[in-house]
Amino acid sequence: MLSKKPLSRTVLATVKAISNGARHGFDIMDATGLPSGTVYPALDRLERSGLVRSRWESQVIARREKRPPRRYYEITAAGARALAQSLEHYRRLGSSLDGRLVPRPRGA
């Protein structure tokens, strides 16, 4: 489902991180600088709205790497459209992409 409203800046940062290759929650948190309490609820809402989809990795891979399975996210076609529309909306408002639109990663 594509909303006519632009994505909030937090959700926009999350979708942009996924579109740039951040695949699981910790990668997304690192890419955006957002805490888990912000990222995971946003991912849930994005998935329910059809802007991202997820899949769990194989138990075999996780066991081999001695960690819990990761949930991997990818942007959908609707998500790509919402991302483009929202970026354009914020550009029209005079926002820049130099770190004010997307939060800086932790430690940067």
Protein backbone atom coordinates (compact mmCIF):
# COMPACT_ATOMS: atom_id res chain seq x y z
CA MET A 1 0.00 0.00 0.00
CA LEU A 2 1.43 3.33 -0.99
CA SER A 3 0.50 6.27 1.17
CA LYS A 4 0.08 9.72 -0.31
CA LYS A 5 1.77 11.18 2.76
CA PRO A 6 5.57 11.31 2.74
CA LEU A 7 7.35 8.88 5.01
CA SER A 8 8.41 10.31 8.35
CA ARG A 9 12.11 11.10 8.55
CA THR A 10 12.71 8.11 10.83
CA VAL A 11 10.89 5.70 8.53
CA LEU A 12 12.56 7.33 5.54
CA ALA A 13 15.99 6.74 7.11
CA THR A 14 15.07 3.08 7.69
CA VAL A 15 13.83 2.51 4.13
CA LYS A 16 16.82 4.35 2.68
CA ALA A 17 19.20 2.17 4.70
CA ILE A 18 17.49 -0.97 3.38
CA SER A 19 17.61 0.33 -0.19
CA ASN A 20 21.35 1.00 0.28
CA GLY A 21 21.99 -2.61 1.29
CA ALA A 22 21.44 -2.76 5.05
CA ARG A 23 19.79 -6.15 5.36
CA HIS A 24 19.06 -6.96 9.01
CA GLY A 25 18.16 -4.99 12.12
CA PHE A 26 21.67 -4.38 13.45
CA ASP A 27 22.86 -3.25 10.01
CA ILE A 28 19.91 -0.85 9.80
CA MET A 29 20.62 0.51 13.29
CA ASP A 30 24.28 1.04 12.35
CA ALA A 31 23.38 2.73 9.06
CA THR A 32 20.82 5.10 10.59
CA GLY A 33 22.10 5.65 14.12
CA LEU A 34 18.59 4.89 15.36
CA PRO A 35 18.01 2.69 18.44
CA SER A 36 16.41 -0.75 18.29
CA GLY A 37 13.25 0.58 19.97
CA THR A 38 12.76 2.81 16.94
CA VAL A 39 14.00 0.55 14.14
CA TYR A 40 12.13 -2.67 14.92
CA PRO A 41 8.66 -1.08 15.31
CA ALA A 42 9.30 0.85 12.08
CA LEU A 43 10.26 -2.36 10.28
CA ASP A 44 7.09 -4.03 11.51
CA ARG A 45 4.94 -1.14 10.23
CA LEU A 46 6.83 -1.04 6.93
CA GLU A 47 6.29 -4.74 6.39
CA ARG A 48 2.59 -4.56 7.25
CA SER A 49 2.19 -1.68 4.80
CA GLY A 50 3.96 -3.60 2.02
CA LEU A 51 6.95 -1.27 1.69
CA VAL A 52 9.47 -3.91 2.78
CA ARG A 53 9.39 -7.69 3.01
CA SER A 54 11.43 -9.98 5.19
CA ARG A 55 12.65 -13.53 5.39
CA TRP A 56 14.41 -15.49 8.09
CA GLU A 57 17.79 -16.93 7.28
CA SER A 58 18.42 -20.64 7.49
CA GLN A 59 18.87 -22.13 10.96
CA VAL A 60 21.86 -24.00 9.53
CA ILE A 61 23.68 -20.77 8.67
CA ALA A 62 22.93 -19.21 12.04
CA ARG A 63 24.08 -22.32 13.91
CA ARG A 64 27.24 -22.50 11.86
CA GLU A 65 28.01 -18.88 12.79
CA LYS A 66 26.98 -19.55 16.44
CA ARG A 67 24.29 -16.89 16.64
CA PRO A 68 20.51 -16.61 16.44
CA PRO A 69 18.93 -16.51 12.97
CA ARG A 70 18.70 -13.07 11.39
CA ARG A 71 15.65 -11.60 9.74
CA TYR A 72 16.63 -10.03 6.42
CA TYR A 73 14.69 -7.11 4.93
CA GLU A 74 14.40 -5.89 1.37
CA ILE A 75 12.54 -3.00 -0.16
CA THR A 76 9.52 -3.73 -2.37
CA ALA A 77 8.55 -1.89 -5.55
CA ALA A 78 5.97 0.05 -3.51
CA GLY A 79 8.69 0.87 -0.98
CA ALA A 80 10.99 2.15 -3.72
CA ARG A 81 8.20 4.42 -5.00
CA ALA A 82 7.42 5.70 -1.49
CA LEU A 83 11.14 6.32 -0.91
CA ALA A 84 11.49 8.30 -4.14
CA GLN A 85 8.32 10.31 -3.47
CA SER A 86 9.35 11.09 0.10
CA LEU A 87 12.88 12.11 -0.87
CA GLU A 88 11.42 14.44 -3.49
CA HIS A 89 8.96 15.85 -0.94
CA TYR A 90 11.76 16.68 1.51
CA ARG A 91 13.93 18.09 -1.27
CA ARG A 92 11.08 20.42 -2.24
CA LEU A 93 10.87 21.55 1.38
CA GLY A 94 14.52 22.51 1.20
CA SER A 95 15.93 19.64 3.24
CA SER A 96 19.32 18.37 2.20
CA LEU A 97 20.68 14.84 2.17
CA ASP A 98 23.91 15.79 3.95
CA GLY A 99 22.97 14.17 7.23
CA ARG A 100 20.02 16.32 8.27
CA LEU A 101 17.52 14.14 6.39
CA VAL A 102 19.06 10.84 7.39
CA PRO A 103 20.55 10.62 10.89
CA ARG A 104 24.31 10.12 11.02
CA PRO A 105 25.56 6.65 12.01
CA ARG A 106 26.70 6.27 15.60
CA GLY A 107 30.32 7.24 16.06
CA ALA A 108 30.46 9.37 12.91
